[in-house]
Amino acid sequence: MARRAEPWSADELLRRVSADTLLFSPGHGWAYSNVGYLFVRCLIEEATGEEMDAALRRLVFGPLGVPGVRLARAPSDLTVTAWGNEAGYHPGWVYHGLLIGTPAEAALFLDRLLSGPLLPAVLRDAMETPYPLGGPIPGRPWRTAGYGLGLMVDVTSPRGRCSGHTGQGPGSTAAAYRFADLAPPCTAAAFAPVEDQGLVERAVLALPEAMS
């Protein structure tokens, strides 16, 4: 990936990671899985009859008011990013889809997704109800790490309950989190050309105070 090699086909990826072999029986364990997100992408495309980019624009980004967000398909798509990752890697390695947008768009997307009417309450609850994964993570600011449906969740962060996600690739990190316990609730995002996830996450944690 970091050598900017051409991405494998989805079938080759599944073969290499032995995707047909269960690590545990369903409902009896937890593991972070980009393969799982690939399957979700396939389900979305099958159900809508559209490619992922078109489906997200119509069903998510348009209704949430962030129409500038788009899917990167080739290295040349990355030239529009703030520090230009074109020489870094092929976005096709992100099999579930690599989205391009600004920190402001990331914060707006997450805030409106978790506080607005786009999703039913039962889905929002599933996203923000964590499966506990233990205590603090070395080098990261989180105190009680957990995962909801697609979201990282910490119910005892320095800002109280927070939900969001951190993404990392060669040479860059992006983080966006919503702090529901603040009055009023606040959502913040930060991107940086570094691979230190904790550094970017601490910047996100500092933003609510800086904006108050």
Foldseek 3Di string as FASTA:
>chain_A
DQQQDDDDPLVVVCVVVVVVDDPDPPPPDDDDDLNVLLVVQVVQCVVVVDHSFVSCLVQACVVLVNNVKGFAQALVVQCPDPVRCSSGYTQVNSNNTDIDDDQVSQQSRVVCVLPHDSDDPVQSVQQADWDWDDADDPLAQAGTWTGGDVWIWGQCGPLGTKIWDWDDDQQKIKTKIWRVPDVNIGIGIDMDRHRRRRVRNVVRVCVVVVVD
